[in-house]
């Protein structure tokens, strides 16, 4: 098999995945997440039910289809920080950039979708799980970056505090979006809240995990 064949196969997979996700989103918004079945999604996308579950093993991942990017986001931001920059500073500008871009990864999903998520016990539970995975990934990254010993709880504590900012601000984006506020108004409020949140942690973590090279 040539590299061209592999590339075409991967492109086809991406297209199929996106097709299923798009049809699922339409149904979720029209019927509600809890009420929509995998069989209905498969029929709408004109694929087999097994195809849907192959691409999305969990129904929640059809709605929260950027979960991998979300889970690894904080760790990636810390891992790519510049020399002389602390973990706190890296996460601060990463989050502010996401707010300015109205990124769906931090909750900018539109009022209809945000309301659907807030009203679904299954999706809110899944979001809590994803935040926990996000925190674990960040703790692992911080431990690696600082060379922490196995029994050193500092990376775990730092990750918990830094991820708490993300949890609070993510919920705030969803709440405001679900209430019908525009992305522009939400961004103004979140920029102010983000700056304040990171200011509160500056005394404790401003000089933690500073990249030396």
C-alpha atoms as a PDB file:
ATOM      1  CA  UNK A   1       0.000   0.000   0.000  1.00  0.00           C
ATOM      2  CA  UNK A   2       1.418   3.387  -0.980  1.00  0.00           C
ATOM      3  CA  UNK A   3       1.550   6.500   1.164  1.00  0.00           C
ATOM      4  CA  UNK A   4      -1.094   7.985  -1.124  1.00  0.00           C
ATOM      5  CA  UNK A   5      -3.426   5.074  -0.363  1.00  0.00           C
ATOM      6  CA  UNK A   6      -2.830   5.528   3.381  1.00  0.00           C
ATOM      7  CA  UNK A   7      -3.481   9.253   3.081  1.00  0.00           C
ATOM      8  CA  UNK A   8      -6.740   8.678   1.224  1.00  0.00           C
ATOM      9  CA  UNK A   9      -7.879   6.139   3.807  1.00  0.00           C
ATOM     10  CA  UNK A  10      -7.181   8.534   6.654  1.00  0.00           C
ATOM     11  CA  UNK A  11      -8.996  11.331   4.828  1.00  0.00           C
ATOM     12  CA  UNK A  12     -11.990   9.057   4.306  1.00  0.00           C
ATOM     13  CA  UNK A  13     -11.993   8.165   8.003  1.00  0.00           C
ATOM     14  CA  UNK A  14     -11.893  11.829   8.982  1.00  0.00           C
ATOM     15  CA  UNK A  15     -14.740  12.618   6.597  1.00  0.00           C
ATOM     16  CA  UNK A  16     -16.859   9.756   7.939  1.00  0.00           C
ATOM     17  CA  UNK A  17     -16.173  10.772  11.523  1.00  0.00           C
ATOM     18  CA  UNK A  18     -17.141  14.370  10.800  1.00  0.00           C
ATOM     19  CA  UNK A  19     -20.273  13.262   8.937  1.00  0.00           C
ATOM     20  CA  UNK A  20     -21.448  11.190  11.891  1.00  0.00           C
ATOM     21  CA  UNK A  21     -20.655  13.993  14.335  1.00  0.00           C
ATOM     22  CA  UNK A  22     -22.533  16.566  12.256  1.00  0.00           C
ATOM     23  CA  UNK A  23     -25.659  14.419  11.989  1.00  0.00           C
ATOM     24  CA  UNK A  24     -25.514  13.614  15.691  1.00  0.00           C
ATOM     25  CA  UNK A  25     -25.316  17.298  16.595  1.00  0.00           C
ATOM     26  CA  UNK A  26     -28.387  18.101  14.491  1.00  0.00           C
ATOM     27  CA  UNK A  27     -30.358  15.338  16.195  1.00  0.00           C
ATOM     28  CA  UNK A  28     -29.150  16.245  19.672  1.00  0.00           C
ATOM     29  CA  UNK A  29     -30.268  19.842  19.206  1.00  0.00           C
ATOM     30  CA  UNK A  30     -33.603  18.841  17.701  1.00  0.00           C
ATOM     31  CA  UNK A  31     -34.502  16.056  20.143  1.00  0.00           C
ATOM     32  CA  UNK A  32     -32.178  16.432  23.111  1.00  0.00           C
ATOM     33  CA  UNK A  33     -29.113  14.368  23.914  1.00  0.00           C
ATOM     34  CA  UNK A  34     -30.779  11.881  26.235  1.00  0.00           C
ATOM     35  CA  UNK A  35     -33.638  11.205  23.819  1.00  0.00           C
ATOM     36  CA  UNK A  36     -31.508  10.608  20.710  1.00  0.00           C
ATOM     37  CA  UNK A  37     -30.412   7.028  20.027  1.00  0.00           C
ATOM     38  CA  UNK A  38     -27.329   5.670  18.277  1.00  0.00           C
ATOM     39  CA  UNK A  39     -29.628   3.929  15.795  1.00  0.00           C
ATOM     40  CA  UNK A  40     -31.185   7.263  14.846  1.00  0.00           C
ATOM     41  CA  UNK A  41     -27.771   8.833  14.350  1.00  0.00           C
ATOM     42  CA  UNK A  42     -26.654   5.931  12.161  1.00  0.00           C
ATOM     43  CA  UNK A  43     -29.806   6.173  10.053  1.00  0.00           C
ATOM     44  CA  UNK A  44     -29.414   9.923   9.634  1.00  0.00           C
ATOM     45  CA  UNK A  45     -25.756   9.607   8.596  1.00  0.00           C
ATOM     46  CA  UNK A  46     -26.558   6.557   6.424  1.00  0.00           C
ATOM     47  CA  UNK A  47     -23.981   4.356   8.072  1.00  0.00           C
ATOM     48  CA  UNK A  48     -24.210   1.174  10.110  1.00  0.00           C
ATOM     49  CA  UNK A  49     -24.800   1.455  13.853  1.00  0.00           C
ATOM     50  CA  UNK A  50     -21.492  -0.350  14.401  1.00  0.00           C
ATOM     51  CA  UNK A  51     -19.730   2.308  12.323  1.00  0.00           C
ATOM     52  CA  UNK A  52     -20.976   4.970  14.720  1.00  0.00           C
ATOM     53  CA  UNK A  53     -19.731   3.070  17.777  1.00  0.00           C
ATOM     54  CA  UNK A  54     -16.405   2.303  16.093  1.00  0.00           C
ATOM     55  CA  UNK A  55     -15.735   6.010  15.694  1.00  0.00           C
ATOM     56  CA  UNK A  56     -17.445   7.045  18.932  1.00  0.00           C
ATOM     57  CA  UNK A  57     -17.401   4.288  21.584  1.00  0.00           C
ATOM     58  CA  UNK A  58     -19.314   6.545  23.970  1.00  0.00           C
ATOM     59  CA  UNK A  59     -22.438   8.410  22.989  1.00  0.00           C
ATOM     60  CA  UNK A  60     -21.203  11.456  24.927  1.00  0.00           C
ATOM     61  CA  UNK A  61     -18.209  11.730  22.628  1.00  0.00           C
ATOM     62  CA  UNK A  62     -20.553  12.442  19.728  1.00  0.00           C
ATOM     63  CA  UNK A  63     -21.522  15.666  21.462  1.00  0.00           C
ATOM     64  CA  UNK A  64     -18.148  16.422  23.050  1.00  0.00           C
ATOM     65  CA  UNK A  65     -16.135  15.398  20.012  1.00  0.00           C
ATOM     66  CA  UNK A  66     -13.114  17.566  20.842  1.00  0.00           C
ATOM     67  CA  UNK A  67     -12.494  15.661  24.069  1.00  0.00           C
ATOM     68  CA  UNK A  68      -8.950  14.572  23.170  1.00  0.00           C
ATOM     69  CA  UNK A  69      -7.860  18.124  22.423  1.00  0.00           C
ATOM     70  CA  UNK A  70      -9.575  19.248  25.614  1.00  0.00           C
ATOM     71  CA  UNK A  71      -8.030  16.562  27.808  1.00  0.00           C
ATOM     72  CA  UNK A  72      -4.480  17.280  26.640  1.00  0.00           C
ATOM     73  CA  UNK A  73      -4.845  21.050  26.282  1.00  0.00           C
ATOM     74  CA  UNK A  74      -3.348  22.242  29.574  1.00  0.00           C
ATOM     75  CA  UNK A  75      -0.463  19.767  29.477  1.00  0.00           C
ATOM     76  CA  UNK A  76       0.313  20.767  25.901  1.00  0.00           C
ATOM     77  CA  UNK A  77       0.326  24.469  26.805  1.00  0.00           C
ATOM     78  CA  UNK A  78       2.776  23.858  29.637  1.00  0.00           C
ATOM     79  CA  UNK A  79       4.950  21.581  27.515  1.00  0.00           C
ATOM     80  CA  UNK A  80       5.304  24.199  24.789  1.00  0.00           C
ATOM     81  CA  UNK A  81       5.986  27.212  27.043  1.00  0.00           C
ATOM     82  CA  UNK A  82       8.939  29.467  26.299  1.00  0.00           C
ATOM     83  CA  UNK A  83      12.209  29.672  28.211  1.00  0.00           C
ATOM     84  CA  UNK A  84      11.781  31.774  31.333  1.00  0.00           C
ATOM     85  CA  UNK A  85       8.018  31.226  31.374  1.00  0.00           C
ATOM     86  CA  UNK A  86       6.220  29.580  34.277  1.00  0.00           C
ATOM     87  CA  UNK A  87       3.409  27.060  33.948  1.00  0.00           C
ATOM     88  CA  UNK A  88       1.025  29.669  35.333  1.00  0.00           C
ATOM     89  CA  UNK A  89       2.037  32.259  32.741  1.00  0.00           C
ATOM     90  CA  UNK A  90       1.746  29.745  29.903  1.00  0.00           C
ATOM     91  CA  UNK A  91      -1.757  28.734  30.920  1.00  0.00           C
ATOM     92  CA  UNK A  92      -2.797  32.337  31.458  1.00  0.00           C
ATOM     93  CA  UNK A  93      -2.009  33.482  27.925  1.00  0.00           C
ATOM     94  CA  UNK A  94      -3.275  30.200  26.450  1.00  0.00           C
ATOM     95  CA  UNK A  95      -6.650  30.693  28.069  1.00  0.00           C
ATOM     96  CA  UNK A  96      -6.825  34.381  27.173  1.00  0.00           C
ATOM     97  CA  UNK A  97      -6.050  33.500  23.545  1.00  0.00           C
ATOM     98  CA  UNK A  98      -8.837  30.900  23.585  1.00  0.00           C
ATOM     99  CA  UNK A  99     -11.285  33.461  24.979  1.00  0.00           C
ATOM    100  CA  UNK A 100     -10.335  35.959  22.276  1.00  0.00           C
ATOM    101  CA  UNK A 101     -10.835  33.269  19.620  1.00  0.00           C
ATOM    102  CA  UNK A 102     -14.192  32.180  21.089  1.00  0.00           C
ATOM    103  CA  UNK A 103     -12.814  28.641  21.111  1.00  0.00           C
ATOM    104  CA  UNK A 104     -15.345  25.805  21.552  1.00  0.00           C
ATOM    105  CA  UNK A 105     -12.701  23.950  23.556  1.00  0.00           C
ATOM    106  CA  UNK A 106     -13.352  26.307  26.476  1.00  0.00           C
ATOM    107  CA  UNK A 107     -17.121  26.351  26.072  1.00  0.00           C
ATOM    108  CA  UNK A 108     -17.959  28.733  23.224  1.00  0.00           C
ATOM    109  CA  UNK A 109     -20.514  26.399  21.633  1.00  0.00           C
ATOM    110  CA  UNK A 110     -23.515  28.678  21.093  1.00  0.00           C
ATOM    111  CA  UNK A 111     -26.668  29.037  23.209  1.00  0.00           C
ATOM    112  CA  UNK A 112     -28.545  26.010  21.872  1.00  0.00           C
ATOM    113  CA  UNK A 113     -25.668  23.587  22.315  1.00  0.00           C
ATOM    114  CA  UNK A 114     -24.686  25.038  25.703  1.00  0.00           C
ATOM    115  CA  UNK A 115     -28.236  24.670  26.981  1.00  0.00           C
ATOM    116  CA  UNK A 116     -28.341  21.081  25.741  1.00  0.00           C
ATOM    117  CA  UNK A 117     -25.167  20.261  27.651  1.00  0.00           C
ATOM    118  CA  UNK A 118     -26.330  21.973  30.828  1.00  0.00           C
ATOM    119  CA  UNK A 119     -29.665  20.139  30.755  1.00  0.00           C
ATOM    120  CA  UNK A 120     -28.132  16.692  30.191  1.00  0.00           C
ATOM    121  CA  UNK A 121     -27.030  14.781  33.323  1.00  0.00           C
ATOM    122  CA  UNK A 122     -24.995  12.433  31.124  1.00  0.00           C
ATOM    123  CA  UNK A 123     -23.075  15.223  29.407  1.00  0.00           C
ATOM    124  CA  UNK A 124     -22.431  17.187  32.596  1.00  0.00           C
ATOM    125  CA  UNK A 125     -21.096  13.996  34.196  1.00  0.00           C
ATOM    126  CA  UNK A 126     -18.860  13.377  31.190  1.00  0.00           C
ATOM    127  CA  UNK A 127     -17.552  16.934  31.396  1.00  0.00           C
ATOM    128  CA  UNK A 128     -16.551  16.329  35.003  1.00  0.00           C
ATOM    129  CA  UNK A 129     -14.656  13.224  33.896  1.00  0.00           C
ATOM    130  CA  UNK A 130     -12.908  15.135  31.132  1.00  0.00           C
ATOM    131  CA  UNK A 131     -11.862  17.866  33.556  1.00  0.00           C
ATOM    132  CA  UNK A 132     -10.418  15.185  35.829  1.00  0.00           C
ATOM    133  CA  UNK A 133      -8.483  13.664  32.925  1.00  0.00           C
ATOM    134  CA  UNK A 134      -7.310  17.148  31.965  1.00  0.00           C
ATOM    135  CA  UNK A 135      -6.055  17.676  35.492  1.00  0.00           C
ATOM    136  CA  UNK A 136      -4.273  14.307  35.565  1.00  0.00           C
ATOM    137  CA  UNK A 137      -2.539  15.040  32.254  1.00  0.00           C
ATOM    138  CA  UNK A 138      -1.397  18.422  33.570  1.00  0.00           C
ATOM    139  CA  UNK A 139      -0.099  16.882  36.814  1.00  0.00           C
ATOM    140  CA  UNK A 140       1.899  14.323  34.836  1.00  0.00           C
ATOM    141  CA  UNK A 141       3.355  17.061  32.626  1.00  0.00           C
ATOM    142  CA  UNK A 142       4.300  19.201  35.628  1.00  0.00           C
ATOM    143  CA  UNK A 143       5.936  16.260  37.383  1.00  0.00           C
ATOM    144  CA  UNK A 144       7.994  15.542  34.266  1.00  0.00           C
ATOM    145  CA  UNK A 145       8.920  19.182  33.722  1.00  0.00           C
ATOM    146  CA  UNK A 146      10.062  19.704  37.321  1.00  0.00           C
ATOM    147  CA  UNK A 147      11.637  16.294  37.878  1.00  0.00           C
ATOM    148  CA  UNK A 148       9.419  15.745  40.896  1.00  0.00           C
ATOM    149  CA  UNK A 149       9.891  12.636  43.019  1.00  0.00           C
ATOM    150  CA  UNK A 150       7.160   9.995  42.959  1.00  0.00           C
ATOM    151  CA  UNK A 151       5.964  10.966  46.448  1.00  0.00           C
ATOM    152  CA  UNK A 152       6.019  14.722  45.751  1.00  0.00           C
ATOM    153  CA  UNK A 153       2.442  16.015  45.760  1.00  0.00           C
ATOM    154  CA  UNK A 154       3.403  19.458  44.454  1.00  0.00           C
ATOM    155  CA  UNK A 155       2.599  18.753  40.777  1.00  0.00           C
ATOM    156  CA  UNK A 156      -0.740  17.220  41.784  1.00  0.00           C
ATOM    157  CA  UNK A 157      -1.645  20.183  43.972  1.00  0.00           C
ATOM    158  CA  UNK A 158      -0.520  22.682  41.331  1.00  0.00           C
ATOM    159  CA  UNK A 159      -2.532  20.907  38.638  1.00  0.00           C
ATOM    160  CA  UNK A 160      -5.613  20.888  40.861  1.00  0.00           C
ATOM    161  CA  UNK A 161      -5.375  24.629  41.499  1.00  0.00           C
ATOM    162  CA  UNK A 162      -4.626  25.546  37.888  1.00  0.00           C
ATOM    163  CA  UNK A 163      -7.323  23.268  36.522  1.00  0.00           C
ATOM    164  CA  UNK A 164      -9.804  24.779  38.981  1.00  0.00           C
ATOM    165  CA  UNK A 165      -9.547  28.035  37.038  1.00  0.00           C
ATOM    166  CA  UNK A 166     -10.402  26.172  33.871  1.00  0.00           C
ATOM    167  CA  UNK A 167     -13.376  24.402  35.480  1.00  0.00           C
ATOM    168  CA  UNK A 168     -14.868  27.612  36.840  1.00  0.00           C
ATOM    169  CA  UNK A 169     -14.389  29.640  33.671  1.00  0.00           C
ATOM    170  CA  UNK A 170     -15.624  26.819  31.432  1.00  0.00           C
ATOM    171  CA  UNK A 171     -18.852  26.600  33.432  1.00  0.00           C
ATOM    172  CA  UNK A 172     -19.189  30.372  33.249  1.00  0.00           C
ATOM    173  CA  UNK A 173     -18.918  30.327  29.450  1.00  0.00           C
ATOM    174  CA  UNK A 174     -21.599  27.628  29.237  1.00  0.00           C
ATOM    175  CA  UNK A 175     -23.863  29.426  31.691  1.00  0.00           C
ATOM    176  CA  UNK A 176     -23.645  32.751  29.898  1.00  0.00           C
ATOM    177  CA  UNK A 177     -23.971  31.129  26.493  1.00  0.00           C
ATOM    178  CA  UNK A 178     -26.976  29.105  27.587  1.00  0.00           C
ATOM    179  CA  UNK A 179     -28.559  32.308  28.887  1.00  0.00           C
ATOM    180  CA  UNK A 180     -28.272  33.801  25.403  1.00  0.00           C
ATOM    181  CA  UNK A 181     -25.348  36.193  25.842  1.00  0.00           C
ATOM    182  CA  UNK A 182     -23.329  36.915  22.708  1.00  0.00           C
ATOM    183  CA  UNK A 183     -19.816  35.525  22.313  1.00  0.00           C
ATOM    184  CA  UNK A 184     -18.478  39.079  22.306  1.00  0.00           C
ATOM    185  CA  UNK A 185     -20.092  39.903  25.656  1.00  0.00           C
ATOM    186  CA  UNK A 186     -18.988  36.594  27.131  1.00  0.00           C
ATOM    187  CA  UNK A 187     -15.414  37.207  25.969  1.00  0.00           C
ATOM    188  CA  UNK A 188     -15.345  40.618  27.668  1.00  0.00           C
ATOM    189  CA  UNK A 189     -16.550  39.147  30.954  1.00  0.00           C
ATOM    190  CA  UNK A 190     -14.283  36.095  30.716  1.00  0.00           C
ATOM    191  CA  UNK A 191     -11.195  38.157  29.932  1.00  0.00           C
ATOM    192  CA  UNK A 192     -11.711  40.085  33.143  1.00  0.00           C
ATOM    193  CA  UNK A 193     -12.464  36.911  35.138  1.00  0.00           C
ATOM    194  CA  UNK A 194      -9.463  35.090  33.693  1.00  0.00           C
ATOM    195  CA  UNK A 195      -7.045  37.863  34.597  1.00  0.00           C
ATOM    196  CA  UNK A 196      -8.438  38.003  38.126  1.00  0.00           C
ATOM    197  CA  UNK A 197      -8.293  34.230  38.592  1.00  0.00           C
ATOM    198  CA  UNK A 198      -4.656  34.020  37.555  1.00  0.00           C
ATOM    199  CA  UNK A 199      -3.780  37.035  39.705  1.00  0.00           C
ATOM    200  CA  UNK A 200      -5.086  35.135  42.729  1.00  0.00           C
ATOM    201  CA  UNK A 201      -2.727  32.222  42.046  1.00  0.00           C
ATOM    202  CA  UNK A 202       0.290  34.341  41.142  1.00  0.00           C
ATOM    203  CA  UNK A 203       1.695  34.501  44.719  1.00  0.00           C
ATOM    204  CA  UNK A 204       1.648  30.706  45.014  1.00  0.00           C
ATOM    205  CA  UNK A 205       2.587  29.547  41.521  1.00  0.00           C
ATOM    206  CA  UNK A 206       4.153  32.525  39.761  1.00  0.00           C
ATOM    207  CA  UNK A 207       7.633  31.040  40.085  1.00  0.00           C
ATOM    208  CA  UNK A 208       6.664  27.368  39.785  1.00  0.00           C
ATOM    209  CA  UNK A 209       7.792  25.219  36.871  1.00  0.00           C
ATOM    210  CA  UNK A 210       9.700  27.979  35.088  1.00  0.00           C
ATOM    211  CA  UNK A 211      11.354  26.641  31.950  1.00  0.00           C
ATOM    212  CA  UNK A 212      15.097  27.174  32.184  1.00  0.00           C
ATOM    213  CA  UNK A 213      16.017  26.491  28.550  1.00  0.00           C
END
